[in-house]
């Protein structure tokens, strides 16, 4: 009976059901209560989540901080913008352009990851920071490929089987499905040999190497997956907004993605969902304090690192573990 109960608990995790219930309720609120602008803000949060989940693989599982997510997001966005705006002399269907953009972004991530991940820890972090700045400058100034300061307008919106995503609410449900698929993939990766190898590298590189883990190859694979996620995020952003400009992929945006992941909990899949929503809605709530937004972010990060180093998800997980422990201690022994 004990084993059967444990198997049932693994298959029907209460946290999963609570999360799905909350998402259903949230979707109903979005559909019937929120105006178009609020739904737009929610959609931006969902798009950012996809990039944040890529960061959770690199930082949460592997222990390597990288800022390159926004750069790959920009690459995916501009690839899709060029393929869907007729700037190349032809126009691909939206779904095909997404597949092509994600594939090419993953190839670029493979090439850059093979170079950057030869560097150790903080040196790799600074290299990715430089990569973001280089691409940001190109996005803003190189007109033939990126439209320069004017960006790329008139991007065709996504159409699947004749169904056109021509409203923010239609996009919301598509983006939510994409986020759930990506979140499921991240959870699946945690339980595979790749996830265990990444965790061993994060905890102790020497021990991981002793156990036969190819540290460099494993990190590159994680980097490529994170790059592909960011490319998908950028591709969806281009077709959702129907306009792309370089200022959407600055270092400040990269910092925001990192804050989303850390606030929610870098190792918590539901936590990143919550963190992305909070950080995306915060500028709307504090609209009168735009000049002090980064100051507020900085203070929030300091407080969080002191009191909640594992983010909201980690704090909730610790609370639930303590509750279970107390419950077991209260149960009388038979």
Protein backbone atom coordinates (compact mmCIF):
# COMPACT_ATOMS: atom_id res chain seq x y z
CA UNK A 1 0.00 0.00 0.00
CA UNK A 2 2.85 2.38 0.86
CA UNK A 3 4.52 1.90 -2.53
CA UNK A 4 1.21 2.31 -4.37
CA UNK A 5 0.54 5.55 -2.52
CA UNK A 6 4.02 6.86 -3.32
CA UNK A 7 3.56 6.03 -7.02
CA UNK A 8 0.20 7.81 -7.07
CA UNK A 9 1.74 10.87 -5.42
CA UNK A 10 4.46 10.96 -8.05
CA UNK A 11 1.96 10.66 -10.88
CA UNK A 12 -0.58 13.06 -9.42
CA UNK A 13 1.57 15.71 -7.74
CA UNK A 14 -0.82 18.11 -5.90
CA UNK A 15 1.41 21.07 -6.84
CA UNK A 16 0.90 20.28 -10.53
CA UNK A 17 -2.87 20.19 -10.13
CA UNK A 18 -2.85 23.45 -8.15
CA UNK A 19 -0.75 25.08 -10.88
CA UNK A 20 -3.07 23.90 -13.66
CA UNK A 21 -6.11 25.05 -11.67
CA UNK A 22 -4.54 28.48 -11.18
CA UNK A 23 -3.75 28.71 -14.91
CA UNK A 24 -7.34 27.83 -15.84
CA UNK A 25 -8.64 30.51 -13.46
CA UNK A 26 -6.09 33.01 -14.78
CA UNK A 27 -7.11 32.22 -18.38
CA UNK A 28 -10.76 32.88 -17.57
CA UNK A 29 -9.83 36.23 -16.01
CA UNK A 30 -7.76 37.14 -19.08
CA UNK A 31 -10.60 36.17 -21.42
CA UNK A 32 -13.51 37.88 -19.68
CA UNK A 33 -12.12 40.59 -17.39
CA UNK A 34 -8.90 42.09 -18.79
CA UNK A 35 -8.83 44.78 -21.45
CA UNK A 36 -6.63 44.56 -24.55
CA UNK A 37 -3.72 46.49 -23.02
CA UNK A 38 -3.56 44.27 -19.94
CA UNK A 39 -3.67 41.15 -22.11
CA UNK A 40 -0.79 42.63 -24.13
CA UNK A 41 1.26 42.97 -20.93
CA UNK A 42 0.45 39.34 -20.00
CA UNK A 43 1.54 38.23 -23.48
CA UNK A 44 4.86 40.05 -23.08
CA UNK A 45 5.35 38.21 -19.78
CA UNK A 46 4.67 34.85 -21.45
CA UNK A 47 7.15 35.61 -24.25
CA UNK A 48 9.81 36.61 -21.72
CA UNK A 49 9.14 33.39 -19.75
CA UNK A 50 10.36 31.27 -22.66
CA UNK A 51 13.76 33.01 -22.55
CA UNK A 52 13.78 32.83 -18.74
CA UNK A 53 13.27 29.04 -18.88
CA UNK A 54 16.36 28.83 -21.08
CA UNK A 55 18.29 30.76 -18.44
CA UNK A 56 17.03 28.34 -15.79
CA UNK A 57 18.80 25.53 -17.66
CA UNK A 58 22.09 27.42 -17.77
CA UNK A 59 22.03 29.05 -14.33
CA UNK A 60 19.69 26.80 -12.33
CA UNK A 61 20.85 23.40 -13.59
CA UNK A 62 24.39 24.18 -14.75
CA UNK A 63 25.32 27.00 -12.39
CA UNK A 64 26.64 29.23 -15.19
CA UNK A 65 25.30 32.78 -15.42
CA UNK A 66 24.94 33.98 -19.02
CA UNK A 67 23.36 37.15 -20.43
CA UNK A 68 23.13 35.90 -24.01
CA UNK A 69 19.42 35.02 -23.88
CA UNK A 70 18.34 38.47 -25.06
CA UNK A 71 20.90 38.38 -27.90
CA UNK A 72 19.47 35.08 -29.19
CA UNK A 73 15.98 36.45 -28.67
CA UNK A 74 16.94 39.32 -30.98
CA UNK A 75 18.43 36.95 -33.56
CA UNK A 76 15.24 34.88 -33.62
CA UNK A 77 13.10 38.03 -33.87
CA UNK A 78 15.07 39.56 -36.74
CA UNK A 79 15.24 36.29 -38.66
CA UNK A 80 11.45 35.99 -38.46
CA UNK A 81 10.99 39.69 -39.26
CA UNK A 82 13.02 39.35 -42.47
CA UNK A 83 11.29 36.11 -43.47
CA UNK A 84 7.76 37.44 -42.82
CA UNK A 85 8.00 41.03 -44.08
CA UNK A 86 9.04 40.51 -47.71
CA UNK A 87 12.40 42.28 -47.21
CA UNK A 88 14.21 39.31 -48.77
CA UNK A 89 12.01 39.28 -51.88
CA UNK A 90 9.85 36.43 -50.60
CA UNK A 91 7.64 35.70 -47.59
CA UNK A 92 7.51 32.42 -45.69
CA UNK A 93 4.44 31.21 -43.78
CA UNK A 94 4.55 32.10 -40.09
CA UNK A 95 4.98 28.55 -38.79
CA UNK A 96 7.78 27.82 -41.28
CA UNK A 97 9.58 31.05 -40.35
CA UNK A 98 9.42 30.10 -36.65
CA UNK A 99 10.98 26.69 -37.34
CA UNK A 100 13.69 28.19 -39.57
CA UNK A 101 14.44 30.98 -37.08
CA UNK A 102 14.72 28.60 -34.10
CA UNK A 103 16.95 26.21 -36.07
CA UNK A 104 19.30 28.99 -37.26
CA UNK A 105 19.39 30.56 -33.79
CA UNK A 106 20.34 27.16 -32.33
CA UNK A 107 23.19 26.88 -34.88
CA UNK A 108 24.46 30.34 -33.91
CA UNK A 109 24.17 29.35 -30.24
CA UNK A 110 26.23 26.22 -31.00
CA UNK A 111 28.98 28.29 -32.65
CA UNK A 112 29.10 30.96 -29.92
CA UNK A 113 28.67 28.46 -27.08
CA UNK A 114 31.58 26.38 -28.38
CA UNK A 115 33.69 29.53 -28.08
CA UNK A 116 32.36 31.14 -24.89
CA UNK A 117 32.17 27.98 -22.79
CA UNK A 118 35.90 27.35 -23.14
CA UNK A 119 36.15 30.25 -20.70
CA UNK A 120 35.66 29.63 -17.00
CA UNK A 121 32.78 30.97 -14.89
CA UNK A 122 32.92 34.78 -14.66
CA UNK A 123 35.00 35.07 -17.86
CA UNK A 124 32.21 33.29 -19.75
CA UNK A 125 29.65 35.61 -18.14
CA UNK A 126 31.54 38.71 -19.30
CA UNK A 127 31.91 37.25 -22.80
CA UNK A 128 28.15 36.81 -23.11
CA UNK A 129 27.66 40.35 -21.80
CA UNK A 130 29.92 41.63 -24.58
CA UNK A 131 28.01 39.51 -27.09
CA UNK A 132 24.76 41.23 -26.07
CA UNK A 133 26.32 44.68 -26.52
CA UNK A 134 27.79 43.82 -29.94
CA UNK A 135 24.47 42.54 -31.28
CA UNK A 136 22.55 45.43 -29.72
CA UNK A 137 24.78 47.86 -31.63
CA UNK A 138 24.30 45.93 -34.88
CA UNK A 139 20.53 45.77 -34.41
CA UNK A 140 20.38 49.54 -33.96
CA UNK A 141 22.74 50.59 -36.74
CA UNK A 142 22.98 48.03 -39.55
CA UNK A 143 20.04 48.85 -41.82
CA UNK A 144 20.33 46.19 -44.58
CA UNK A 145 19.67 43.29 -42.17
CA UNK A 146 18.05 44.94 -39.15
CA UNK A 147 16.37 48.11 -40.41
CA UNK A 148 18.57 50.38 -38.29
CA UNK A 149 16.95 52.71 -35.75
CA UNK A 150 13.60 52.46 -37.59
CA UNK A 151 13.42 48.70 -37.07
CA UNK A 152 11.36 46.37 -39.26
CA UNK A 153 7.62 47.09 -39.55
CA UNK A 154 4.78 45.29 -41.37
CA UNK A 155 5.66 41.80 -40.17
CA UNK A 156 2.90 39.35 -41.05
CA UNK A 157 1.12 37.89 -38.06
CA UNK A 158 0.96 34.15 -37.50
CA UNK A 159 -1.63 32.06 -39.31
CA UNK A 160 -2.11 28.34 -38.66
CA UNK A 161 -4.44 26.33 -40.89
CA UNK A 162 -6.30 29.46 -41.93
CA UNK A 163 -6.75 30.59 -38.30
CA UNK A 164 -5.24 34.07 -38.01
CA UNK A 165 -3.90 35.30 -34.68
CA UNK A 166 -5.18 38.83 -35.12
CA UNK A 167 -6.00 39.70 -31.50
CA UNK A 168 -4.08 39.73 -28.23
CA UNK A 169 -6.49 37.24 -26.64
CA UNK A 170 -5.94 34.72 -29.44
CA UNK A 171 -2.20 35.16 -28.98
CA UNK A 172 -2.57 34.68 -25.23
CA UNK A 173 -3.80 31.10 -25.57
CA UNK A 174 -1.10 30.23 -28.13
CA UNK A 175 1.63 31.72 -25.94
CA UNK A 176 0.29 29.96 -22.85
CA UNK A 177 0.42 26.61 -24.67
CA UNK A 178 4.00 27.34 -25.81
CA UNK A 179 5.03 28.26 -22.24
CA UNK A 180 3.49 25.08 -20.81
CA UNK A 181 5.29 22.95 -23.43
CA UNK A 182 8.62 24.67 -22.68
CA UNK A 183 8.04 24.33 -18.91
CA UNK A 184 7.30 20.62 -19.41
CA UNK A 185 10.51 20.22 -21.42
CA UNK A 186 12.53 21.93 -18.70
CA UNK A 187 11.04 19.63 -16.05
CA UNK A 188 11.76 16.63 -18.29
CA UNK A 189 15.37 17.73 -18.78
CA UNK A 190 15.83 17.92 -15.00
CA UNK A 191 15.02 14.20 -14.77
CA UNK A 192 17.20 13.04 -17.68
CA UNK A 193 20.87 12.12 -17.69
CA UNK A 194 21.59 15.57 -19.15
CA UNK A 195 19.87 17.25 -16.20
CA UNK A 196 21.74 15.08 -13.71
CA UNK A 197 25.04 15.82 -15.48
CA UNK A 198 24.33 19.55 -15.37
CA UNK A 199 23.48 19.35 -11.66
CA UNK A 200 26.71 17.50 -10.94
CA UNK A 201 28.68 20.17 -12.82
CA UNK A 202 26.92 22.89 -10.82
CA UNK A 203 27.61 21.20 -7.48
CA UNK A 204 31.18 20.00 -8.05
CA UNK A 205 33.00 20.06 -11.39
CA UNK A 206 35.85 17.85 -10.21
CA UNK A 207 33.49 15.19 -8.90
CA UNK A 208 31.46 15.35 -12.14
CA UNK A 209 34.59 14.90 -14.23
CA UNK A 210 35.63 11.97 -12.06
CA UNK A 211 32.26 10.33 -12.75
CA UNK A 212 32.87 10.61 -16.50
CA UNK A 213 30.80 13.72 -17.31
CA UNK A 214 32.11 15.65 -20.33
CA UNK A 215 31.83 19.11 -18.76
CA UNK A 216 32.47 21.18 -21.89
CA UNK A 217 30.13 19.17 -24.14
CA UNK A 218 27.34 19.13 -21.54
CA UNK A 219 27.54 22.89 -21.07
CA UNK A 220 27.45 23.50 -24.82
CA UNK A 221 24.31 21.34 -25.16
CA UNK A 222 22.62 23.34 -22.38
CA UNK A 223 23.70 26.60 -24.05
CA UNK A 224 22.22 25.51 -27.39
CA UNK A 225 18.90 24.53 -25.76
CA UNK A 226 18.74 27.90 -23.97
CA UNK A 227 19.57 29.67 -27.27
CA UNK A 228 16.82 27.76 -29.11
CA UNK A 229 14.28 28.73 -26.41
CA UNK A 230 15.32 32.39 -26.73
CA UNK A 231 15.10 32.18 -30.53
CA UNK A 232 11.54 30.85 -30.24
CA UNK A 233 10.71 33.68 -27.84
CA UNK A 234 12.04 36.31 -30.26
CA UNK A 235 10.28 34.73 -33.24
CA UNK A 236 6.93 34.82 -31.44
CA UNK A 237 7.61 38.40 -30.32
CA UNK A 238 8.17 39.55 -33.92
CA UNK A 239 4.90 38.08 -35.19
CA UNK A 240 2.96 39.13 -32.10
CA UNK A 241 4.03 42.81 -32.24
CA UNK A 242 4.38 42.93 -36.06
CA UNK A 243 7.27 45.32 -35.47
CA UNK A 244 10.83 44.84 -34.21
CA UNK A 245 13.48 47.40 -33.20
CA UNK A 246 16.93 47.07 -31.66
CA UNK A 247 16.07 48.79 -28.38
CA UNK A 248 13.95 45.75 -27.44
CA UNK A 249 17.13 43.68 -26.98
CA UNK A 250 19.34 45.83 -24.77
CA UNK A 251 21.44 44.82 -21.77
CA UNK A 252 18.69 46.24 -19.52
CA UNK A 253 16.28 43.67 -21.00
CA UNK A 254 18.84 40.94 -20.34
CA UNK A 255 19.08 42.04 -16.71
CA UNK A 256 15.28 41.95 -16.46
CA UNK A 257 15.24 38.32 -17.68
CA UNK A 258 17.79 37.40 -15.00
CA UNK A 259 15.70 39.13 -12.31
CA UNK A 260 12.58 37.25 -13.47
CA UNK A 261 14.39 33.93 -13.05
CA UNK A 262 15.96 34.77 -9.70
CA UNK A 263 12.79 36.28 -8.22
CA UNK A 264 10.67 33.26 -9.14
CA UNK A 265 13.35 30.73 -8.26
CA UNK A 266 16.00 29.66 -10.73
CA UNK A 267 15.29 25.97 -10.04
CA UNK A 268 11.51 26.32 -9.81
CA UNK A 269 9.49 25.92 -13.02
CA UNK A 270 6.25 27.39 -11.55
CA UNK A 271 8.35 30.04 -9.76
CA UNK A 272 9.74 31.42 -13.04
CA UNK A 273 6.17 31.73 -14.31
CA UNK A 274 5.25 33.85 -11.27
CA UNK A 275 8.51 35.83 -11.36
CA UNK A 276 8.04 36.78 -15.03
CA UNK A 277 4.49 37.98 -14.36
CA UNK A 278 5.58 40.08 -11.36
CA UNK A 279 8.55 41.72 -13.11
CA UNK A 280 6.53 42.43 -16.29
CA UNK A 281 3.62 43.98 -14.38
CA UNK A 282 5.83 45.94 -11.95
CA UNK A 283 6.57 48.81 -14.40
CA UNK A 284 2.82 49.13 -15.03
CA UNK A 285 2.08 49.31 -11.31
CA UNK A 286 4.96 51.77 -10.73
CA UNK A 287 4.34 53.79 -13.88
CA UNK A 288 5.00 57.09 -12.07
CA UNK A 289 8.40 55.87 -10.87
CA UNK A 290 9.97 54.91 -14.21
CA UNK A 291 13.23 56.70 -13.41
CA UNK A 292 13.70 54.65 -10.25
CA UNK A 293 12.68 51.26 -11.65
CA UNK A 294 16.21 49.81 -11.87
CA UNK A 295 16.88 51.19 -8.36
CA UNK A 296 13.81 49.32 -7.10
CA UNK A 297 14.94 46.17 -8.93
CA UNK A 298 18.36 46.44 -7.31
CA UNK A 299 16.96 46.82 -3.80
CA UNK A 300 14.55 43.93 -4.42
CA UNK A 301 17.41 41.66 -5.56
CA UNK A 302 19.50 42.53 -2.47
CA UNK A 303 16.60 41.79 -0.12
CA UNK A 304 15.76 38.59 -1.98
CA UNK A 305 19.35 37.32 -1.86
CA UNK A 306 19.41 37.88 1.90
CA UNK A 307 16.02 36.44 2.82
CA UNK A 308 15.01 34.27 -0.19
CA UNK A 309 18.18 33.14 -2.01
CA UNK A 310 16.23 30.47 -3.94
CA UNK A 311 13.44 32.88 -4.93
CA UNK A 312 9.69 32.58 -4.42
CA UNK A 313 9.61 28.99 -5.65
CA UNK A 314 12.37 27.95 -3.26
CA UNK A 315 10.70 29.71 -0.32
CA UNK A 316 7.36 27.99 -1.03
CA UNK A 317 9.09 24.62 -1.43
CA UNK A 318 10.94 25.04 1.89
CA UNK A 319 7.70 26.06 3.61
CA UNK A 320 5.88 22.95 2.31
CA UNK A 321 8.78 20.70 3.38
CA UNK A 322 8.71 22.17 6.89
CA UNK A 323 4.93 21.64 7.08
CA UNK A 324 5.32 17.99 6.04
CA UNK A 325 8.09 17.49 8.57
CA UNK A 326 5.98 18.95 11.38
CA UNK A 327 3.01 16.82 10.34
CA UNK A 328 5.12 13.66 10.46
CA UNK A 329 6.47 14.58 13.89
CA UNK A 330 2.93 15.10 15.21
CA UNK A 331 1.75 11.70 13.95
CA UNK A 332 1.78 9.13 16.75
CA UNK A 333 3.97 6.09 16.25
CA UNK A 334 2.11 2.77 15.88
